[in-house]
Each structure stands twice: as structure tokens, then as C-alpha cells.
Amino acid sequence: CIFNLTKFDCHKLEPEEKQKIEVIQQYPNFKQGEIWRDIKIELSTSNIQATTDDSNWMDTSIEEAAELTIDAIEKQVQIYKRSKKQKEDELDAFYNDIRLKFNISQNQTGVMSKTTSQVGTGIGI
């Protein structure tokens, strides 16, 4: 892949960009499968019978392209799920931090009001 040859760091990409890269990397294979499918349809509509070897080659090429398509879709789904999980974890950490700060603030306010009430009554002295 050209990305590896240029030492491009795919880890710095956004999830949506990574999903696009999955398709870009497989595009020549997808296109080849599409061409074989079109040839098969054209032969069929023209009533031309391909040789057994050619027919097998076309079928195999079309099946391989379909499998690559399914694989690319699965990789895109995995990228999405990892991204979603990471965002949810970051959001949970953010809310946990807010809760922690709120609890600390509440505890400090409670300690201050107890100290103030004790000083006012002479108990704290």
C-alpha cells in the first residue's frame, strides 16, 4: 500500500478517515470484481457462452471481490465501534470528574458550615 511505502501514520487519522482508507485500499480489487461482473452480464445478455475456465475465473473473481467488500464493511464497523466506545469512555470520565469535583465541593461546604456553626456556639474554641 502506498501509505506504508510513504511511512504515512494511519493512527493519526480520525475514525471517519480510517473508514474511507479501508475502501481506498481495496478500490482496485472492488473495481476488478465489478468489471468481471459486468463482463459476465454482457456475455449473458449477448448469448455468448464463456469457456468453463473463463466462467470459473469470472465467478471466482466476483466472489473474491464480494468477500473483500464484506471484509471492508466489517473493518469499518469495527472502527466505528472502537471510536464510539472511546467517546463513551471519555464522556464517562468527564462526568465522573464533574461528580468527583461536586462531591469534594459539597464535602468542603459541609465541613465549613460545621466549623462555622461550632465557632458561633463556642464549641469549636
Foldseek 3Di string as FASTA:
>chain_A
DVCVVVVPDPVPDDLVVVLVVLCVVCVVLLVQLVVLVVVVVVCVVVVHDDPPVSVVVSVVSNVVSVVSVVVSVVVSVVSVVVNVVVVVVVVVVVVVVVVVVVVVVVVVVVVVVVCVVCVVVVNND
